[in-house]
Amino acid sequence: MKTLEAYLEQYAAEHTKPGTKVTHMIGIPMIVASLPCAFKNPRLAAGLFVGGWALQLLGHKIEGNKPALLDDPF
């Protein structure tokens, strides 16, 4: 298992372009917000979750790499 410092170095190396940073700044909060929202409005939660992940994937397409989650879920 990697150290926190190693994860942060990898994250910095894989998120260098402004477009990637913007898509992550919007997409990650959407994914997080979808979780508690699921109890009140499942359709909205699903939209937030899918939309957030779509932004994450778009960001990695802009960056030219694949999400680290695919290699290491931690």
C-alpha atoms as a PDB file:
ATOM      1  CA  MET A   1       0.000   0.000   0.000  1.00  0.00           C
ATOM      2  CA  LYS A   2       1.275   3.468  -0.924  1.00  0.00           C
ATOM      3  CA  THR A   3       1.922   6.250   1.522  1.00  0.00           C
ATOM      4  CA  LEU A   4      -0.250   9.366   1.542  1.00  0.00           C
ATOM      5  CA  GLU A   5       2.682  11.307   0.127  1.00  0.00           C
ATOM      6  CA  ALA A   6       2.941   8.871  -2.800  1.00  0.00           C
ATOM      7  CA  TYR A   7      -0.794   9.228  -3.534  1.00  0.00           C
ATOM      8  CA  LEU A   8      -0.557  13.023  -3.449  1.00  0.00           C
ATOM      9  CA  GLU A   9       2.453  12.999  -5.784  1.00  0.00           C
ATOM     10  CA  GLN A  10       0.626  10.710  -8.202  1.00  0.00           C
ATOM     11  CA  TYR A  11      -2.498  12.899  -8.045  1.00  0.00           C
ATOM     12  CA  ALA A  12      -0.466  16.035  -8.796  1.00  0.00           C
ATOM     13  CA  ALA A  13       1.260  14.352 -11.734  1.00  0.00           C
ATOM     14  CA  GLU A  14      -2.035  13.154 -13.244  1.00  0.00           C
ATOM     15  CA  HIS A  15      -4.003  16.390 -12.788  1.00  0.00           C
ATOM     16  CA  THR A  16      -1.983  19.140 -14.409  1.00  0.00           C
ATOM     17  CA  LYS A  17      -4.311  20.749 -16.970  1.00  0.00           C
ATOM     18  CA  PRO A  18      -6.834  23.428 -15.988  1.00  0.00           C
ATOM     19  CA  GLY A  19      -9.689  21.549 -17.707  1.00  0.00           C
ATOM     20  CA  THR A  20      -9.049  18.489 -15.593  1.00  0.00           C
ATOM     21  CA  LYS A  21      -8.966  20.537 -12.415  1.00  0.00           C
ATOM     22  CA  VAL A  22     -12.271  22.257 -13.257  1.00  0.00           C
ATOM     23  CA  THR A  23     -14.063  19.022 -14.112  1.00  0.00           C
ATOM     24  CA  HIS A  24     -12.854  17.504 -10.837  1.00  0.00           C
ATOM     25  CA  MET A  25     -13.789  20.583  -8.800  1.00  0.00           C
ATOM     26  CA  ILE A  26     -17.359  20.252 -10.086  1.00  0.00           C
ATOM     27  CA  GLY A  27     -17.652  16.475 -10.512  1.00  0.00           C
ATOM     28  CA  ILE A  28     -16.390  15.348  -7.100  1.00  0.00           C
ATOM     29  CA  PRO A  29     -18.867  17.495  -5.109  1.00  0.00           C
ATOM     30  CA  MET A  30     -21.661  16.247  -7.387  1.00  0.00           C
ATOM     31  CA  ILE A  31     -20.785  12.638  -6.573  1.00  0.00           C
ATOM     32  CA  VAL A  32     -20.552  13.349  -2.841  1.00  0.00           C
ATOM     33  CA  ALA A  33     -23.844  15.316  -2.850  1.00  0.00           C
ATOM     34  CA  SER A  34     -25.613  12.455  -4.603  1.00  0.00           C
ATOM     35  CA  LEU A  35     -25.170  10.129  -1.627  1.00  0.00           C
ATOM     36  CA  PRO A  36     -27.322  11.893   1.010  1.00  0.00           C
ATOM     37  CA  CYS A  37     -29.649  13.137  -1.726  1.00  0.00           C
ATOM     38  CA  ALA A  38     -30.521   9.530  -2.610  1.00  0.00           C
ATOM     39  CA  PHE A  39     -32.824   9.249   0.407  1.00  0.00           C
ATOM     40  CA  LYS A  40     -34.958  12.249  -0.567  1.00  0.00           C
ATOM     41  CA  ASN A  41     -34.815  12.283  -4.360  1.00  0.00           C
ATOM     42  CA  PRO A  42     -33.355   9.160  -5.995  1.00  0.00           C
ATOM     43  CA  ARG A  43     -33.696  10.526  -9.544  1.00  0.00           C
ATOM     44  CA  LEU A  44     -31.777  13.680  -8.682  1.00  0.00           C
ATOM     45  CA  ALA A  45     -29.176  11.617  -6.842  1.00  0.00           C
ATOM     46  CA  ALA A  46     -28.715   9.362  -9.864  1.00  0.00           C
ATOM     47  CA  GLY A  47     -28.327  12.371 -12.129  1.00  0.00           C
ATOM     48  CA  LEU A  48     -25.748  13.953  -9.836  1.00  0.00           C
ATOM     49  CA  PHE A  49     -23.839  10.681  -9.507  1.00  0.00           C
ATOM     50  CA  VAL A  50     -23.749   9.906 -13.231  1.00  0.00           C
ATOM     51  CA  GLY A  51     -23.066  13.518 -14.163  1.00  0.00           C
ATOM     52  CA  GLY A  52     -20.251  13.770 -11.637  1.00  0.00           C
ATOM     53  CA  TRP A  53     -18.593  10.641 -12.964  1.00  0.00           C
ATOM     54  CA  ALA A  54     -19.045  11.844 -16.541  1.00  0.00           C
ATOM     55  CA  LEU A  55     -17.142  15.004 -15.608  1.00  0.00           C
ATOM     56  CA  GLN A  56     -14.414  12.914 -13.970  1.00  0.00           C
ATOM     57  CA  LEU A  57     -13.974  10.829 -17.104  1.00  0.00           C
ATOM     58  CA  LEU A  58     -14.025  13.936 -19.304  1.00  0.00           C
ATOM     59  CA  GLY A  59     -11.286  15.446 -17.147  1.00  0.00           C
ATOM     60  CA  HIS A  60      -9.099  12.404 -17.601  1.00  0.00           C
ATOM     61  CA  LYS A  61      -9.756  12.415 -21.330  1.00  0.00           C
ATOM     62  CA  ILE A  62      -8.578  16.046 -21.391  1.00  0.00           C
ATOM     63  CA  GLU A  63      -5.517  15.064 -19.363  1.00  0.00           C
ATOM     64  CA  GLY A  64      -4.801  12.047 -21.571  1.00  0.00           C
ATOM     65  CA  ASN A  65      -4.731   9.434 -18.812  1.00  0.00           C
ATOM     66  CA  LYS A  66      -7.096   7.007 -17.177  1.00  0.00           C
ATOM     67  CA  PRO A  67      -8.572   7.512 -13.702  1.00  0.00           C
ATOM     68  CA  ALA A  68      -6.336   6.094 -10.981  1.00  0.00           C
ATOM     69  CA  LEU A  69      -9.391   4.425  -9.467  1.00  0.00           C
ATOM     70  CA  LEU A  70      -9.175   1.840 -12.225  1.00  0.00           C
ATOM     71  CA  ASP A  71      -5.684   0.772 -11.096  1.00  0.00           C
ATOM     72  CA  ASP A  72      -5.911   1.344  -7.354  1.00  0.00           C
ATOM     73  CA  PRO A  73      -9.297   1.940  -5.681  1.00  0.00           C
ATOM     74  CA  PHE A  74      -7.603   3.426  -2.593  1.00  0.00           C
END
